[in-house]
N, C-alpha and C. Protein backbone atom coordinates (compact mmCIF):
# COMPACT_ATOMS: atom_id res chain seq x y z
N UNK A 1 161.53 64.80 121.61
CA UNK A 1 160.70 65.27 120.53
C UNK A 1 161.03 66.72 120.25
N UNK A 2 160.80 67.14 119.02
CA UNK A 2 161.06 68.53 118.65
C UNK A 2 159.83 69.40 118.90
N UNK A 3 158.65 68.88 118.55
CA UNK A 3 157.41 69.63 118.72
C UNK A 3 156.26 68.67 118.98
N UNK A 4 155.22 69.21 119.58
CA UNK A 4 153.95 68.49 119.70
C UNK A 4 152.92 69.36 119.01
N UNK A 5 152.23 68.80 118.03
CA UNK A 5 151.20 69.54 117.31
C UNK A 5 149.85 69.19 117.91
N UNK A 6 149.07 70.19 118.24
CA UNK A 6 147.75 70.00 118.83
C UNK A 6 146.73 70.83 118.06
N UNK A 7 145.44 70.44 118.09
CA UNK A 7 144.44 71.15 117.29
C UNK A 7 143.87 72.42 117.92
N UNK A 8 143.99 72.60 119.24
CA UNK A 8 143.35 73.75 119.88
C UNK A 8 144.25 74.36 120.96
N UNK A 9 143.92 75.58 121.33
CA UNK A 9 144.62 76.25 122.42
C UNK A 9 144.42 75.49 123.73
N UNK A 10 143.22 74.93 123.92
CA UNK A 10 142.94 74.13 125.11
C UNK A 10 143.94 72.99 125.24
N UNK A 11 144.19 72.27 124.13
CA UNK A 11 145.14 71.17 124.15
C UNK A 11 146.55 71.66 124.46
N UNK A 12 146.91 72.80 123.90
CA UNK A 12 148.24 73.38 124.16
C UNK A 12 148.41 73.66 125.65
N UNK A 13 147.41 74.30 126.24
CA UNK A 13 147.48 74.63 127.66
C UNK A 13 147.54 73.36 128.52
N UNK A 14 146.84 72.33 128.10
CA UNK A 14 146.86 71.06 128.84
C UNK A 14 148.26 70.46 128.85
N UNK A 15 148.92 70.44 127.69
CA UNK A 15 150.28 69.90 127.62
C UNK A 15 151.24 70.74 128.46
N UNK A 16 151.11 72.05 128.39
CA UNK A 16 152.00 72.93 129.15
C UNK A 16 151.81 72.71 130.65
N UNK A 17 150.54 72.59 131.09
CA UNK A 17 150.28 72.33 132.51
C UNK A 17 150.84 71.00 132.97
N UNK A 18 150.96 70.05 132.03
CA UNK A 18 151.49 68.73 132.41
C UNK A 18 153.01 68.69 132.40
N UNK A 19 153.65 69.82 132.06
CA UNK A 19 155.11 69.87 132.15
C UNK A 19 155.85 69.99 130.84
N UNK A 20 155.16 69.98 129.72
CA UNK A 20 155.84 70.12 128.42
C UNK A 20 156.18 71.60 128.22
N UNK A 21 157.39 71.87 127.75
CA UNK A 21 157.82 73.25 127.51
C UNK A 21 156.90 73.92 126.49
N UNK A 22 156.48 75.14 126.80
CA UNK A 22 155.56 75.87 125.91
C UNK A 22 156.13 76.05 124.51
N UNK A 23 157.44 76.16 124.41
CA UNK A 23 158.07 76.35 123.09
C UNK A 23 157.96 75.11 122.21
N UNK A 24 157.64 73.97 122.81
CA UNK A 24 157.54 72.71 122.05
C UNK A 24 156.13 72.43 121.54
N UNK A 25 155.12 73.15 122.05
CA UNK A 25 153.72 72.87 121.71
C UNK A 25 153.24 73.89 120.69
N UNK A 26 152.77 73.39 119.54
CA UNK A 26 152.33 74.25 118.44
C UNK A 26 150.88 73.92 118.11
N UNK A 27 150.05 74.95 118.02
CA UNK A 27 148.65 74.76 117.64
C UNK A 27 148.57 74.73 116.11
N UNK A 28 148.10 73.62 115.58
CA UNK A 28 147.84 73.47 114.14
C UNK A 28 146.32 73.42 114.02
N UNK A 29 145.67 74.49 113.56
CA UNK A 29 144.21 74.53 113.56
C UNK A 29 143.57 73.46 112.68
N UNK A 30 142.32 73.20 112.95
CA UNK A 30 141.55 72.25 112.14
C UNK A 30 141.52 72.72 110.69
N UNK A 31 141.27 71.79 109.79
CA UNK A 31 141.30 72.11 108.36
C UNK A 31 140.09 72.92 107.91
N UNK A 32 139.01 72.90 108.67
CA UNK A 32 137.80 73.63 108.30
C UNK A 32 137.55 74.72 109.33
N UNK A 33 137.37 75.95 108.84
CA UNK A 33 137.04 77.06 109.72
C UNK A 33 135.55 76.97 110.05
N UNK A 34 135.22 76.47 111.23
CA UNK A 34 133.83 76.22 111.59
C UNK A 34 133.05 77.50 111.86
N UNK A 35 133.72 78.61 112.05
CA UNK A 35 133.00 79.88 112.17
C UNK A 35 132.60 80.38 110.79
N UNK A 36 133.48 80.25 109.80
CA UNK A 36 133.17 80.68 108.44
C UNK A 36 132.14 79.75 107.79
N UNK A 37 132.31 78.45 107.96
CA UNK A 37 131.42 77.45 107.37
C UNK A 37 130.38 77.00 108.40
N UNK A 38 129.67 77.93 108.95
CA UNK A 38 128.65 77.65 109.96
C UNK A 38 127.31 77.43 109.27
N UNK A 39 126.73 76.24 109.35
CA UNK A 39 125.47 75.96 108.65
C UNK A 39 124.30 76.81 109.14
N UNK A 40 124.42 77.38 110.33
CA UNK A 40 123.34 78.23 110.83
C UNK A 40 123.35 79.62 110.23
N UNK A 41 124.41 79.98 109.51
CA UNK A 41 124.50 81.33 108.96
C UNK A 41 124.37 81.39 107.44
N UNK A 42 124.09 80.26 106.80
CA UNK A 42 123.96 80.25 105.35
C UNK A 42 122.61 79.71 104.93
N UNK A 43 122.22 80.04 103.73
CA UNK A 43 120.97 79.51 103.18
C UNK A 43 121.24 78.12 102.59
N UNK A 44 120.22 77.29 102.50
CA UNK A 44 120.41 75.97 101.89
C UNK A 44 120.90 76.08 100.46
N UNK A 45 121.65 75.09 100.05
CA UNK A 45 122.20 75.02 98.70
C UNK A 45 121.08 74.97 97.66
N UNK A 46 121.19 75.82 96.66
CA UNK A 46 120.26 75.79 95.54
C UNK A 46 120.94 75.04 94.39
N UNK A 47 120.43 73.89 94.07
CA UNK A 47 121.05 73.04 93.08
C UNK A 47 120.97 73.63 91.69
N UNK A 48 122.05 73.47 90.91
CA UNK A 48 122.04 73.88 89.51
C UNK A 48 121.29 72.86 88.65
N UNK A 49 120.91 71.71 89.26
CA UNK A 49 120.23 70.66 88.51
C UNK A 49 118.72 70.74 88.64
N UNK A 50 118.20 71.77 89.27
CA UNK A 50 116.76 71.96 89.34
C UNK A 50 116.08 71.19 90.46
N UNK A 51 116.81 70.73 91.43
CA UNK A 51 116.20 70.01 92.55
C UNK A 51 115.60 71.02 93.52
N UNK A 52 114.41 70.73 93.97
CA UNK A 52 113.77 71.66 94.90
C UNK A 52 114.13 71.34 96.34
N UNK A 53 114.41 70.09 96.64
CA UNK A 53 114.83 69.71 97.98
C UNK A 53 116.01 68.75 97.86
N UNK A 54 116.83 68.65 98.90
CA UNK A 54 117.97 67.73 98.83
C UNK A 54 117.57 66.29 98.56
N UNK A 55 116.39 65.87 99.03
CA UNK A 55 115.98 64.48 98.80
C UNK A 55 115.64 64.22 97.34
N UNK A 56 115.41 65.28 96.55
CA UNK A 56 115.13 65.12 95.13
C UNK A 56 116.40 64.98 94.31
N UNK A 57 117.52 65.28 94.89
CA UNK A 57 118.79 65.34 94.16
C UNK A 57 119.65 64.11 94.42
N UNK A 58 120.57 63.91 93.53
CA UNK A 58 121.61 62.90 93.70
C UNK A 58 122.93 63.65 93.82
N UNK A 59 123.74 63.26 94.75
CA UNK A 59 124.99 63.96 95.00
C UNK A 59 126.17 63.04 94.77
N UNK A 60 127.27 63.63 94.37
CA UNK A 60 128.54 62.92 94.27
C UNK A 60 129.46 63.56 95.30
N UNK A 61 130.14 62.73 96.07
CA UNK A 61 131.05 63.21 97.09
C UNK A 61 132.46 62.77 96.75
N UNK A 62 133.40 63.65 96.99
CA UNK A 62 134.81 63.32 96.86
C UNK A 62 135.35 63.15 98.27
N UNK A 63 135.94 62.02 98.53
CA UNK A 63 136.52 61.76 99.84
C UNK A 63 137.97 61.37 99.63
N UNK A 64 138.86 61.99 100.39
CA UNK A 64 140.27 61.72 100.24
C UNK A 64 140.75 60.96 101.47
N UNK A 65 140.71 59.66 101.38
CA UNK A 65 141.22 58.78 102.42
C UNK A 65 141.33 57.39 101.84
N UNK A 66 141.79 56.46 102.61
CA UNK A 66 141.89 55.10 102.10
C UNK A 66 141.26 54.13 103.08
N UNK A 67 140.72 53.05 102.55
CA UNK A 67 140.17 51.98 103.37
C UNK A 67 141.29 50.98 103.59
N UNK A 68 141.56 50.65 104.82
CA UNK A 68 142.58 49.65 105.10
C UNK A 68 142.29 48.99 106.43
N UNK A 69 142.71 47.77 106.52
CA UNK A 69 142.60 47.06 107.79
C UNK A 69 143.80 47.42 108.63
N UNK A 70 143.54 47.89 109.83
CA UNK A 70 144.64 48.25 110.73
C UNK A 70 144.41 47.57 112.07
N UNK A 71 145.50 47.11 112.62
CA UNK A 71 145.46 46.49 113.93
C UNK A 71 144.43 45.36 114.00
N UNK A 72 144.34 44.64 112.93
CA UNK A 72 143.42 43.50 112.86
C UNK A 72 144.24 42.25 112.69
N UNK A 73 143.98 41.27 113.50
CA UNK A 73 144.68 40.00 113.38
C UNK A 73 143.82 39.05 112.55
N UNK A 74 144.38 38.53 111.49
CA UNK A 74 143.64 37.64 110.62
C UNK A 74 143.90 36.19 110.99
N UNK A 75 142.86 35.40 110.99
CA UNK A 75 143.00 33.99 111.27
C UNK A 75 142.61 33.23 110.01
N UNK A 76 143.48 32.34 109.59
CA UNK A 76 143.20 31.53 108.40
C UNK A 76 143.11 30.07 108.84
N UNK A 77 142.14 29.38 108.29
CA UNK A 77 142.01 27.96 108.64
C UNK A 77 142.58 27.07 107.56
């Protein structure tokens, strides 16, 4: 292998301790900065639609992934 990508420094250290060359292990951080986007440090969202509480509002979510059957064996009769 050329590289092993891991999400945290802890994972990198684990691979190195198990014998993988340090030069081969690269930390690729998570996609969301959990320190910047910490829900304990921000105020609740104030809707532009006039909702006073989240339960009064309707939300649309964008999700980027696909639904697929994986590793499933199908039986047909």
